[in-house]
Amino acid sequence: MAEQTRRERMFEAEMTNSQLEQVQEYLGSIARQRAEIQTLKEEIDRYQNVKAGDDILAPLANGIFIRAKAVEDRTFLVNAGAGAVVPKSASEVKTMLDKQLAELEEYDLQLHEQFDRLLERLAQIQKEFEAGAAQRKGA
């Protein structure tokens, strides 16, 4: 393996490794998002069993809650973008969340395929290095 080619392969290996790390981060993010959506679906189911007037904790932000009273109305207020909030039933919200889950699962599958391709390329580069090293030893 010529010195120029060896440098190019080293650079490609570094770039491929960097891409692998980035894909791993994306996969971790998707896993967290999927878990959050599953938890949210469970919370929606639990809320359906709460009686009007019961004390509940309503989240303001991640890990911050206020005390509230459950109301008879079982609609959920969903951010529709641009500051607009629309009422939706539990089944509508769960359908929306199921759609988000399906999109995340598709993206997860694509990222796993990309990860596998990158691993294969890295293995191929490593074999090229090993073959070049063997040639240099034999020369």
C-alpha atoms as a PDB file:
ATOM      1  CA  MET A   1       0.000   0.000   0.000  1.00  0.00           C
ATOM      2  CA  ALA A   2       1.558   3.277  -1.102  1.00  0.00           C
ATOM      3  CA  GLU A   3       2.114   5.936   1.536  1.00  0.00           C
ATOM      4  CA  GLN A   4      -0.442   8.290  -0.069  1.00  0.00           C
ATOM      5  CA  THR A   5      -3.077   5.527  -0.178  1.00  0.00           C
ATOM      6  CA  ARG A   6      -2.263   4.565   3.422  1.00  0.00           C
ATOM      7  CA  ARG A   7      -2.830   8.154   4.572  1.00  0.00           C
ATOM      8  CA  GLU A   8      -6.106   8.321   2.651  1.00  0.00           C
ATOM      9  CA  ARG A   9      -7.302   5.088   4.273  1.00  0.00           C
ATOM     10  CA  MET A  10      -6.289   6.341   7.716  1.00  0.00           C
ATOM     11  CA  PHE A  11      -8.267   9.531   7.132  1.00  0.00           C
ATOM     12  CA  GLU A  12     -11.236   7.505   5.869  1.00  0.00           C
ATOM     13  CA  ALA A  13     -11.020   5.232   8.928  1.00  0.00           C
ATOM     14  CA  GLU A  14     -11.045   8.251  11.244  1.00  0.00           C
ATOM     15  CA  MET A  15     -14.027   9.765   9.426  1.00  0.00           C
ATOM     16  CA  THR A  16     -15.887   6.453   9.464  1.00  0.00           C
ATOM     17  CA  ASN A  17     -15.227   6.052  13.176  1.00  0.00           C
ATOM     18  CA  SER A  18     -16.507   9.582  13.781  1.00  0.00           C
ATOM     19  CA  GLN A  19     -19.663   8.785  11.805  1.00  0.00           C
ATOM     20  CA  LEU A  20     -20.146   5.605  13.846  1.00  0.00           C
ATOM     21  CA  GLU A  21     -20.006   7.630  17.059  1.00  0.00           C
ATOM     22  CA  GLN A  22     -22.518  10.119  15.692  1.00  0.00           C
ATOM     23  CA  VAL A  23     -24.907   7.348  14.624  1.00  0.00           C
ATOM     24  CA  GLN A  24     -24.588   5.813  18.106  1.00  0.00           C
ATOM     25  CA  GLU A  25     -25.586   9.152  19.641  1.00  0.00           C
ATOM     26  CA  TYR A  26     -28.608   9.384  17.324  1.00  0.00           C
ATOM     27  CA  LEU A  27     -29.624   5.836  18.215  1.00  0.00           C
ATOM     28  CA  GLY A  28     -29.425   6.686  21.928  1.00  0.00           C
ATOM     29  CA  SER A  29     -31.547   9.779  21.364  1.00  0.00           C
ATOM     30  CA  ILE A  30     -34.165   7.761  19.488  1.00  0.00           C
ATOM     31  CA  ALA A  31     -34.267   5.181  22.279  1.00  0.00           C
ATOM     32  CA  ARG A  32     -34.858   7.941  24.841  1.00  0.00           C
ATOM     33  CA  GLN A  33     -37.597   9.517  22.710  1.00  0.00           C
ATOM     34  CA  ARG A  34     -39.315   6.155  22.252  1.00  0.00           C
ATOM     35  CA  ALA A  35     -39.219   5.533  26.016  1.00  0.00           C
ATOM     36  CA  GLU A  36     -40.673   8.991  26.690  1.00  0.00           C
ATOM     37  CA  ILE A  37     -43.524   8.387  24.250  1.00  0.00           C
ATOM     38  CA  GLN A  38     -44.292   4.990  25.809  1.00  0.00           C
ATOM     39  CA  THR A  39     -44.342   6.580  29.268  1.00  0.00           C
ATOM     40  CA  LEU A  40     -46.622   9.335  27.997  1.00  0.00           C
ATOM     41  CA  LYS A  41     -49.044   6.770  26.560  1.00  0.00           C
ATOM     42  CA  GLU A  42     -49.111   5.004  29.939  1.00  0.00           C
ATOM     43  CA  GLU A  43     -49.780   8.319  31.710  1.00  0.00           C
ATOM     44  CA  ILE A  44     -52.687   9.028  29.352  1.00  0.00           C
ATOM     45  CA  ASP A  45     -54.189   5.643  30.234  1.00  0.00           C
ATOM     46  CA  ARG A  46     -53.705   6.323  33.955  1.00  0.00           C
ATOM     47  CA  TYR A  47     -55.350   9.728  33.676  1.00  0.00           C
ATOM     48  CA  GLN A  48     -58.450   8.135  32.208  1.00  0.00           C
ATOM     49  CA  ASN A  49     -58.960   6.394  35.585  1.00  0.00           C
ATOM     50  CA  VAL A  50     -58.688   9.595  37.653  1.00  0.00           C
ATOM     51  CA  LYS A  51     -61.972  10.978  38.989  1.00  0.00           C
ATOM     52  CA  ALA A  52     -63.003  14.610  38.657  1.00  0.00           C
ATOM     53  CA  GLY A  53     -61.778  16.535  41.698  1.00  0.00           C
ATOM     54  CA  ASP A  54     -58.918  14.150  42.479  1.00  0.00           C
ATOM     55  CA  ASP A  55     -55.580  15.746  43.284  1.00  0.00           C
ATOM     56  CA  ILE A  56     -52.970  15.242  40.585  1.00  0.00           C
ATOM     57  CA  LEU A  57     -49.491  16.510  39.809  1.00  0.00           C
ATOM     58  CA  ALA A  58     -49.310  18.401  36.512  1.00  0.00           C
ATOM     59  CA  PRO A  59     -45.868  18.753  34.929  1.00  0.00           C
ATOM     60  CA  LEU A  60     -44.593  22.225  34.097  1.00  0.00           C
ATOM     61  CA  ALA A  61     -41.207  21.084  32.823  1.00  0.00           C
ATOM     62  CA  ASN A  62     -38.964  18.066  33.134  1.00  0.00           C
ATOM     63  CA  GLY A  63     -39.171  17.067  36.815  1.00  0.00           C
ATOM     64  CA  ILE A  64     -41.156  20.164  37.905  1.00  0.00           C
ATOM     65  CA  PHE A  65     -44.826  19.769  38.874  1.00  0.00           C
ATOM     66  CA  ILE A  66     -47.709  21.725  40.334  1.00  0.00           C
ATOM     67  CA  ARG A  67     -50.646  20.362  42.296  1.00  0.00           C
ATOM     68  CA  ALA A  68     -53.893  20.404  40.344  1.00  0.00           C
ATOM     69  CA  LYS A  69     -57.419  19.014  40.442  1.00  0.00           C
ATOM     70  CA  ALA A  70     -58.642  16.668  37.732  1.00  0.00           C
ATOM     71  CA  VAL A  71     -61.644  17.897  35.773  1.00  0.00           C
ATOM     72  CA  GLU A  72     -64.512  15.974  34.229  1.00  0.00           C
ATOM     73  CA  ASP A  73     -63.450  16.976  30.715  1.00  0.00           C
ATOM     74  CA  ARG A  74     -61.045  14.293  29.461  1.00  0.00           C
ATOM     75  CA  THR A  75     -59.619  16.209  26.529  1.00  0.00           C
ATOM     76  CA  PHE A  76     -55.922  16.899  26.240  1.00  0.00           C
ATOM     77  CA  LEU A  77     -54.504  20.161  24.994  1.00  0.00           C
ATOM     78  CA  VAL A  78     -51.865  19.548  22.331  1.00  0.00           C
ATOM     79  CA  ASN A  79     -49.392  22.052  20.925  1.00  0.00           C
ATOM     80  CA  ALA A  80     -50.164  22.368  17.207  1.00  0.00           C
ATOM     81  CA  GLY A  81     -47.287  24.769  16.538  1.00  0.00           C
ATOM     82  CA  ALA A  82     -47.012  28.548  16.267  1.00  0.00           C
ATOM     83  CA  GLY A  83     -48.364  28.887  19.814  1.00  0.00           C
ATOM     84  CA  ALA A  84     -51.668  27.209  18.926  1.00  0.00           C
ATOM     85  CA  VAL A  85     -53.111  24.568  21.250  1.00  0.00           C
ATOM     86  CA  VAL A  86     -55.860  22.210  20.118  1.00  0.00           C
ATOM     87  CA  PRO A  87     -58.032  19.881  22.201  1.00  0.00           C
ATOM     88  CA  LYS A  88     -57.754  16.154  21.461  1.00  0.00           C
ATOM     89  CA  SER A  89     -59.254  13.032  22.972  1.00  0.00           C
ATOM     90  CA  ALA A  90     -57.075  10.376  24.595  1.00  0.00           C
ATOM     91  CA  SER A  91     -57.414   8.129  21.552  1.00  0.00           C
ATOM     92  CA  GLU A  92     -56.457  10.969  19.205  1.00  0.00           C
ATOM     93  CA  VAL A  93     -53.376  11.753  21.282  1.00  0.00           C
ATOM     94  CA  LYS A  94     -52.395   8.081  21.426  1.00  0.00           C
ATOM     95  CA  THR A  95     -52.838   7.794  17.647  1.00  0.00           C
ATOM     96  CA  MET A  96     -50.594  10.817  17.214  1.00  0.00           C
ATOM     97  CA  LEU A  97     -48.017   9.267  19.561  1.00  0.00           C
ATOM     98  CA  ASP A  98     -48.221   5.919  17.743  1.00  0.00           C
ATOM     99  CA  LYS A  99     -47.464   7.745  14.487  1.00  0.00           C
ATOM    100  CA  GLN A 100     -44.444   9.388  16.118  1.00  0.00           C
ATOM    101  CA  LEU A 101     -43.301   5.992  17.391  1.00  0.00           C
ATOM    102  CA  ALA A 102     -43.614   4.479  13.908  1.00  0.00           C
ATOM    103  CA  GLU A 103     -41.548   7.331  12.455  1.00  0.00           C
ATOM    104  CA  LEU A 104     -38.897   6.878  15.145  1.00  0.00           C
ATOM    105  CA  GLU A 105     -38.804   3.124  14.549  1.00  0.00           C
ATOM    106  CA  GLU A 106     -38.305   3.680  10.806  1.00  0.00           C
ATOM    107  CA  TYR A 107     -35.517   6.164  11.499  1.00  0.00           C
ATOM    108  CA  ASP A 108     -34.001   3.729  14.007  1.00  0.00           C
ATOM    109  CA  LEU A 109     -33.991   0.994  11.362  1.00  0.00           C
ATOM    110  CA  GLN A 110     -32.317   3.295   8.826  1.00  0.00           C
ATOM    111  CA  LEU A 111     -29.668   4.302  11.349  1.00  0.00           C
ATOM    112  CA  HIS A 112     -28.962   0.669  12.248  1.00  0.00           C
ATOM    113  CA  GLU A 113     -28.491  -0.098   8.545  1.00  0.00           C
ATOM    114  CA  GLN A 114     -26.142   2.876   8.201  1.00  0.00           C
ATOM    115  CA  PHE A 115     -24.267   1.748  11.321  1.00  0.00           C
ATOM    116  CA  ASP A 116     -23.814  -1.735   9.851  1.00  0.00           C
ATOM    117  CA  ARG A 117     -22.529  -0.308   6.537  1.00  0.00           C
ATOM    118  CA  LEU A 118     -20.043   1.893   8.396  1.00  0.00           C
ATOM    119  CA  LEU A 119     -18.826  -1.070  10.461  1.00  0.00           C
ATOM    120  CA  GLU A 120     -18.366  -3.112   7.296  1.00  0.00           C
ATOM    121  CA  ARG A 121     -16.372  -0.308   5.686  1.00  0.00           C
ATOM    122  CA  LEU A 122     -14.201   0.046   8.781  1.00  0.00           C
ATOM    123  CA  ALA A 123     -13.523  -3.703   8.750  1.00  0.00           C
ATOM    124  CA  GLN A 124     -12.628  -3.497   5.054  1.00  0.00           C
ATOM    125  CA  ILE A 125     -10.188  -0.649   5.706  1.00  0.00           C
ATOM    126  CA  GLN A 126      -8.620  -2.638   8.533  1.00  0.00           C
ATOM    127  CA  LYS A 127      -8.123  -5.623   6.204  1.00  0.00           C
ATOM    128  CA  GLU A 128      -6.464  -3.322   3.668  1.00  0.00           C
ATOM    129  CA  PHE A 129      -4.077  -2.079   6.378  1.00  0.00           C
ATOM    130  CA  GLU A 130      -3.293  -5.629   7.452  1.00  0.00           C
ATOM    131  CA  ALA A 131      -2.654  -6.691   3.841  1.00  0.00           C
ATOM    132  CA  GLY A 132      -0.386  -3.671   3.341  1.00  0.00           C
ATOM    133  CA  ALA A 133       1.512  -4.466   6.540  1.00  0.00           C
ATOM    134  CA  ALA A 134       1.986  -8.063   5.424  1.00  0.00           C
ATOM    135  CA  GLN A 135       3.305  -6.850   2.050  1.00  0.00           C
ATOM    136  CA  ARG A 136       5.792  -4.531   3.741  1.00  0.00           C
ATOM    137  CA  LYS A 137       7.029  -7.376   5.947  1.00  0.00           C
ATOM    138  CA  GLY A 138       7.441  -9.633   2.935  1.00  0.00           C
ATOM    139  CA  ALA A 139       9.273  -6.997   0.915  1.00  0.00           C
END
